[in-house]
Amino acid sequence: MKKVYVELNGGLGNQMFQYATARAFSLRTKSELILDSHTGFALDRQYQRQFELGFLPIKAHIATFFERFPNWLNRIHNKVFGNSTQLIKNSIYGTFIAETALKYIPELAHYSIKKSVWLMGYWQCPIYFQDYSDLLYTELMPSTPNDKKFIDLGKTLRETESVALGIRLYEESSDPAAHSLNGQMKTVTEINNVISKLLISQPKAIFFVFCTHRFPILEQLNLPESTVFLTHDDGYAGSIHRLWLLAQCKHHIFTNSSYYWWGAWLSKAVHKSGNTPQLIFAADNFINTDGLCSVWEKF
């Protein structure tokens, strides 16, 4: 049987993009999906990310040591001879399809395979998997937490005009601006403007702020007094449980973060039968220029 291998790396949001694109590709080509959950993390000495998709109801097999071997050979080859600029590279140890541009690459959607291939890249674009959205809502939706604090809060998020405000600062990076398109990070003024815009449309909105910690920048935001902070400092840790909370929120405002992107995307499945439309405002400085859903409003 043909197999589609994908190397996973990065944080949970990036892993979800890699899985979603590879899953859609494997379904279209009638291939088995295999996840390399080791190589990309073994070499991540800076951020020390770990495989997190195992906490989600995904449908794929984990690559064995021998199945990962072609990926190691490919990495050694690239280190010695340099990375190929071609979308598709055929070698004696396998066929590799590499993300050659940080935008939608239409050739991937039409590429037919006759043997097993590797997908290499972040693939942060919903067009790759839009035809399989209903399936992926199920496979990438976190299970309901056991913690009563999370369960009760989730109920509140679903039953109110809740707004998830996701602020990503990349504080762990030596150059946070490098994670934004053209190095342009969103300012407090820009975020405050979109907060005001949402409040005009939804005056009863209750804001729930998602951020790793209570950074000083949060004090500069013009938020209603009813705002609730869901940071690690407030006792809301765990990427999977927080992702579940994000999905329960009805409306979303988020800066360039693949993690908050998925919270907004999954929320459509939770609120698809709502009486009022969702309002989703996404930062326009994602590095992948085709990374935002067309129905979202950019700021």
Protein backbone atom coordinates (compact mmCIF):
# COMPACT_ATOMS: atom_id res chain seq x y z
CA MET A 1 0.00 0.00 0.00
CA LYS A 2 1.15 3.54 -0.75
CA LYS A 3 2.16 5.53 2.31
CA VAL A 4 2.34 9.24 3.08
CA TYR A 5 4.95 10.10 5.68
CA VAL A 6 5.03 13.51 7.34
CA GLU A 7 7.73 14.90 9.60
CA LEU A 8 6.20 16.66 12.58
CA ASN A 9 7.87 19.59 14.29
CA GLY A 10 7.07 22.84 16.05
CA GLY A 11 4.37 23.42 18.63
CA LEU A 12 0.89 21.92 18.76
CA GLY A 13 -0.54 24.36 16.20
CA ASN A 14 2.15 23.56 13.65
CA GLN A 15 1.74 19.83 14.23
CA MET A 16 -1.99 20.18 13.57
CA PHE A 17 -1.34 21.91 10.24
CA GLN A 18 1.12 19.21 9.24
CA TYR A 19 -1.33 16.48 10.20
CA ALA A 20 -4.33 18.12 8.51
CA THR A 21 -2.50 18.63 5.22
CA ALA A 22 -0.97 15.15 5.25
CA ARG A 23 -4.27 13.54 6.26
CA ALA A 24 -6.10 15.24 3.39
CA PHE A 25 -3.30 14.28 0.99
CA SER A 26 -3.37 10.65 2.13
CA LEU A 27 -7.16 10.45 1.76
CA ARG A 28 -7.07 11.95 -1.73
CA THR A 29 -4.32 9.58 -2.86
CA LYS A 30 -5.78 6.59 -1.00
CA SER A 31 -2.61 6.14 1.03
CA GLU A 32 -1.78 5.18 4.60
CA LEU A 33 -0.68 8.08 6.82
CA ILE A 34 2.50 7.64 8.88
CA LEU A 35 3.72 10.27 11.35
CA ASP A 36 7.41 10.79 12.07
CA SER A 37 6.94 11.92 15.67
CA HIS A 38 10.63 11.77 16.53
CA THR A 39 13.06 13.32 14.03
CA GLY A 40 11.80 16.92 14.05
CA PHE A 41 11.80 17.05 17.85
CA ALA A 42 15.12 15.29 18.39
CA LEU A 43 16.81 18.14 16.52
CA ASP A 44 14.85 20.94 18.23
CA ARG A 45 17.43 22.10 20.74
CA GLN A 46 16.23 25.72 20.85
CA TYR A 47 12.53 25.33 21.72
CA GLN A 48 12.51 21.68 22.87
CA ARG A 49 9.04 21.02 21.47
CA GLN A 50 7.45 17.62 21.90
CA PHE A 51 4.97 15.47 20.00
CA GLU A 52 1.48 16.48 21.18
CA LEU A 53 -0.91 15.07 18.59
CA GLY A 54 -1.13 11.85 20.59
CA PHE A 55 -3.61 13.61 22.89
CA LEU A 56 -6.03 14.12 19.98
CA PRO A 57 -8.21 11.46 18.26
CA ILE A 58 -6.05 11.40 15.13
CA LYS A 59 -6.08 8.58 12.57
CA ALA A 60 -2.50 7.69 11.71
CA HIS A 61 0.35 5.35 12.59
CA ILE A 62 3.60 6.37 14.24
CA ALA A 63 6.71 5.69 12.20
CA THR A 64 9.09 3.02 13.45
CA PHE A 65 12.84 3.54 13.68
CA PHE A 66 13.37 1.90 10.29
CA GLU A 67 10.56 3.92 8.69
CA ARG A 68 12.23 7.13 9.89
CA PHE A 69 15.56 6.14 8.36
CA PRO A 70 14.93 7.70 4.89
CA ASN A 71 14.20 11.02 6.57
CA TRP A 72 17.56 10.93 8.35
CA LEU A 73 19.33 10.13 5.08
CA ASN A 74 17.54 13.03 3.43
CA ARG A 75 18.58 15.38 6.23
CA ILE A 76 22.21 14.27 5.94
CA HIS A 77 22.07 14.79 2.18
CA ASN A 78 20.64 18.32 2.61
CA LYS A 79 23.29 19.19 5.18
CA VAL A 80 26.09 18.10 2.85
CA PHE A 81 24.74 19.33 -0.49
CA GLY A 82 22.23 21.99 0.57
CA ASN A 83 18.43 21.98 0.48
CA SER A 84 16.78 21.43 -2.87
CA THR A 85 14.65 24.26 -4.27
CA GLN A 86 12.38 21.77 -6.04
CA LEU A 87 8.90 20.92 -4.79
CA ILE A 88 9.44 17.23 -5.52
CA LYS A 89 12.78 15.52 -5.04
CA ASN A 90 13.31 11.89 -6.02
CA SER A 91 16.22 10.02 -4.53
CA ILE A 92 17.30 6.43 -3.97
CA TYR A 93 15.89 6.59 -0.43
CA GLY A 94 12.53 8.11 -1.23
CA THR A 95 10.40 10.85 -2.76
CA PHE A 96 10.22 14.07 -0.77
CA ILE A 97 7.67 16.85 -1.31
CA ALA A 98 9.01 19.98 0.36
CA GLU A 99 7.22 23.25 1.04
CA THR A 100 9.14 25.60 -1.25
CA ALA A 101 7.19 28.80 -0.54
CA LEU A 102 5.27 30.12 2.45
CA LYS A 103 2.02 30.35 0.54
CA TYR A 104 -0.48 27.91 -0.97
CA ILE A 105 1.22 25.55 -3.42
CA PRO A 106 -1.55 24.29 -5.75
CA GLU A 107 0.61 21.51 -7.23
CA LEU A 108 0.23 19.56 -3.99
CA ALA A 109 -3.54 19.33 -4.38
CA HIS A 110 -3.22 17.73 -7.81
CA TYR A 111 -0.12 15.59 -7.35
CA SER A 112 -0.67 11.86 -7.86
CA ILE A 113 1.59 9.32 -6.22
CA LYS A 114 2.53 5.84 -7.36
CA LYS A 115 4.72 5.05 -4.38
CA SER A 116 5.29 6.27 -0.85
CA VAL A 117 6.24 9.93 -0.32
CA TRP A 118 7.36 12.27 2.46
CA LEU A 119 5.79 15.67 3.17
CA MET A 120 8.23 18.21 4.59
CA GLY A 121 7.11 21.65 5.75
CA TYR A 122 4.61 23.52 7.89
CA TRP A 123 1.76 23.70 5.32
CA GLN A 124 -0.04 26.45 7.25
CA CYS A 125 -2.87 26.96 4.79
CA PRO A 126 -6.47 25.71 5.13
CA ILE A 127 -6.90 25.29 1.38
CA TYR A 128 -4.86 22.08 1.58
CA PHE A 129 -7.51 20.36 3.69
CA GLN A 130 -10.72 22.32 3.11
CA ASP A 131 -12.39 19.37 1.36
CA TYR A 132 -11.99 17.25 4.50
CA SER A 133 -12.98 19.84 7.11
CA ASP A 134 -15.86 17.84 8.60
CA LEU A 135 -13.60 14.85 9.21
CA LEU A 136 -10.81 16.98 10.67
CA TYR A 137 -13.19 18.74 13.06
CA THR A 138 -13.62 15.31 14.65
CA GLU A 139 -10.00 14.16 14.53
CA LEU A 140 -8.47 17.41 15.83
CA MET A 141 -11.04 18.36 18.46
CA PRO A 142 -9.69 17.77 21.98
CA SER A 143 -11.73 15.64 24.34
CA THR A 144 -13.64 17.35 27.14
CA PRO A 145 -11.30 17.76 30.14
CA ASN A 146 -12.05 15.95 33.37
CA ASP A 147 -11.31 19.03 35.48
CA LYS A 148 -14.61 20.57 36.67
CA LYS A 149 -13.09 24.05 36.45
CA PHE A 150 -12.59 23.59 32.72
CA ILE A 151 -15.97 21.91 32.20
CA ASP A 152 -17.88 24.72 33.95
CA LEU A 153 -15.96 27.39 32.10
CA GLY A 154 -16.58 25.62 28.78
CA LYS A 155 -20.32 25.76 29.43
CA THR A 156 -20.07 29.50 30.06
CA LEU A 157 -18.08 30.02 26.87
CA ARG A 158 -20.67 28.18 24.78
CA GLU A 159 -23.70 29.94 26.31
CA THR A 160 -22.48 33.55 26.15
CA GLU A 161 -21.14 35.94 23.53
CA SER A 162 -17.66 34.83 24.54
CA VAL A 163 -14.59 36.26 22.83
CA ALA A 164 -11.24 34.47 22.87
CA LEU A 165 -8.50 37.09 22.69
CA GLY A 166 -5.32 35.18 21.84
CA ILE A 167 -2.08 37.13 22.29
CA ARG A 168 1.15 35.44 21.13
CA LEU A 169 4.37 37.26 22.04
CA TYR A 170 7.01 34.63 21.16
CA GLU A 171 8.79 35.52 24.37
CA GLU A 172 10.85 32.34 24.16
CA SER A 173 12.46 33.54 20.93
CA SER A 174 15.57 35.73 20.71
CA ASP A 175 13.87 37.58 17.85
CA PRO A 176 10.06 37.62 18.29
CA ALA A 177 9.55 39.76 15.17
CA ALA A 178 11.03 36.98 13.02
CA HIS A 179 7.76 35.06 13.48
CA SER A 180 5.73 37.82 11.77
CA LEU A 181 5.39 38.66 8.09
CA ASN A 182 8.09 41.20 7.21
CA GLY A 183 8.94 41.42 10.91
CA GLN A 184 5.83 43.50 11.62
CA MET A 185 4.28 42.64 14.99
CA LYS A 186 0.82 43.86 15.98
CA THR A 187 0.79 46.93 18.21
CA VAL A 188 -1.39 47.55 21.25
CA THR A 189 -3.22 50.23 19.27
CA GLU A 190 -4.09 47.78 16.49
CA ILE A 191 -5.37 45.22 18.96
CA ASN A 192 -7.39 47.85 20.85
CA ASN A 193 -8.97 49.02 17.59
CA VAL A 194 -10.27 45.55 16.78
CA ILE A 195 -11.49 45.06 20.37
CA SER A 196 -13.55 48.24 19.98
CA LYS A 197 -14.84 47.08 16.60
CA LEU A 198 -16.06 43.79 18.03
CA LEU A 199 -17.71 45.49 21.00
CA ILE A 200 -19.70 47.71 18.64
CA SER A 201 -21.12 44.59 16.97
CA GLN A 202 -21.47 42.61 20.21
CA PRO A 203 -21.92 44.98 23.18
CA LYS A 204 -22.66 41.99 25.45
CA ALA A 205 -19.38 40.31 24.60
CA ILE A 206 -17.34 38.81 27.44
CA PHE A 207 -13.61 38.64 26.77
CA PHE A 208 -11.42 35.70 27.75
CA VAL A 209 -7.73 36.46 27.35
CA PHE A 210 -5.45 33.59 26.33
CA CYS A 211 -1.74 34.21 26.76
CA THR A 212 1.08 32.20 28.31
CA HIS A 213 1.56 34.67 31.19
CA ARG A 214 0.21 37.95 32.57
CA PHE A 215 2.60 40.11 30.59
CA PRO A 216 2.52 43.92 31.09
CA ILE A 217 1.15 44.41 27.57
CA LEU A 218 -2.16 42.91 28.69
CA GLU A 219 -2.65 45.84 31.07
CA GLN A 220 -2.56 48.21 28.07
CA LEU A 221 -5.56 46.62 26.39
CA ASN A 222 -8.92 48.39 26.59
CA LEU A 223 -10.91 45.46 27.88
CA PRO A 224 -14.29 45.40 29.70
CA GLU A 225 -14.27 44.91 33.48
CA SER A 226 -15.88 41.51 33.02
CA THR A 227 -12.77 40.20 31.23
CA VAL A 228 -11.40 36.85 32.41
CA PHE A 229 -7.70 35.97 32.07
CA LEU A 230 -6.88 32.36 31.19
CA THR A 231 -3.09 32.38 31.41
CA HIS A 232 -0.76 29.88 33.02
CA ASP A 233 -0.46 32.32 35.93
CA ASP A 234 -4.23 32.06 36.44
CA GLY A 235 -4.14 28.29 36.68
CA TYR A 236 -4.97 27.45 33.08
CA ALA A 237 -2.04 25.40 31.82
CA GLY A 238 -1.87 22.55 29.33
CA SER A 239 -1.99 23.15 25.59
CA ILE A 240 -4.68 20.53 24.92
CA HIS A 241 -7.11 21.68 27.63
CA ARG A 242 -6.62 25.33 26.65
CA LEU A 243 -7.23 24.43 23.01
CA TRP A 244 -10.53 22.85 24.06
CA LEU A 245 -11.45 26.09 25.84
CA LEU A 246 -10.54 28.12 22.75
CA ALA A 247 -12.84 25.96 20.65
CA GLN A 248 -15.73 26.60 23.05
CA CYS A 249 -15.43 30.38 22.55
CA LYS A 250 -17.83 31.85 20.03
CA HIS A 251 -15.90 34.88 18.76
CA HIS A 252 -12.16 35.22 18.27
CA ILE A 253 -9.46 37.86 17.99
CA PHE A 254 -5.92 36.56 17.65
CA THR A 255 -2.43 37.63 16.70
CA ASN A 256 -0.16 35.51 14.48
CA SER A 257 -0.22 32.13 16.20
CA SER A 258 -1.00 28.77 14.64
CA TYR A 259 -2.28 27.62 18.04
CA TYR A 260 -4.90 30.38 18.29
CA TRP A 261 -5.67 29.85 14.60
CA TRP A 262 -6.80 26.31 15.38
CA GLY A 263 -8.88 27.47 18.32
CA ALA A 264 -10.84 29.74 15.99
CA TRP A 265 -11.10 27.09 13.26
CA LEU A 266 -12.38 24.38 15.60
CA SER A 267 -14.92 26.75 17.16
CA LYS A 268 -16.95 26.67 13.96
CA ALA A 269 -17.85 23.04 14.67
CA VAL A 270 -19.00 23.95 18.19
CA HIS A 271 -21.04 27.00 17.18
CA LYS A 272 -22.32 25.99 13.74
CA SER A 273 -25.95 26.07 14.91
CA GLY A 274 -25.76 29.39 16.75
CA ASN A 275 -28.41 32.09 16.37
CA THR A 276 -25.90 34.85 15.68
CA PRO A 277 -22.87 34.73 13.38
CA GLN A 278 -19.34 34.28 14.63
CA LEU A 279 -16.98 37.22 14.52
CA ILE A 280 -13.39 36.19 13.86
CA PHE A 281 -10.63 38.79 13.53
CA ALA A 282 -7.24 37.41 12.57
CA ALA A 283 -3.94 39.26 12.37
CA ASP A 284 -2.77 39.78 8.79
CA ASN A 285 0.92 39.21 9.58
CA PHE A 286 1.01 35.41 9.44
CA ILE A 287 4.15 34.42 7.54
CA ASN A 288 2.14 32.17 5.21
CA THR A 289 0.30 34.75 3.12
CA ASP A 290 -2.51 32.27 2.36
CA GLY A 291 -2.84 31.13 5.95
CA LEU A 292 -6.16 32.72 6.90
CA CYS A 293 -9.67 31.51 6.12
CA SER A 294 -11.43 33.69 3.55
CA VAL A 295 -14.44 34.32 5.81
CA TRP A 296 -12.29 35.76 8.61
CA GLU A 297 -11.70 39.49 8.87
CA LYS A 298 -8.07 40.57 8.86
CA PHE A 299 -6.63 43.35 11.00
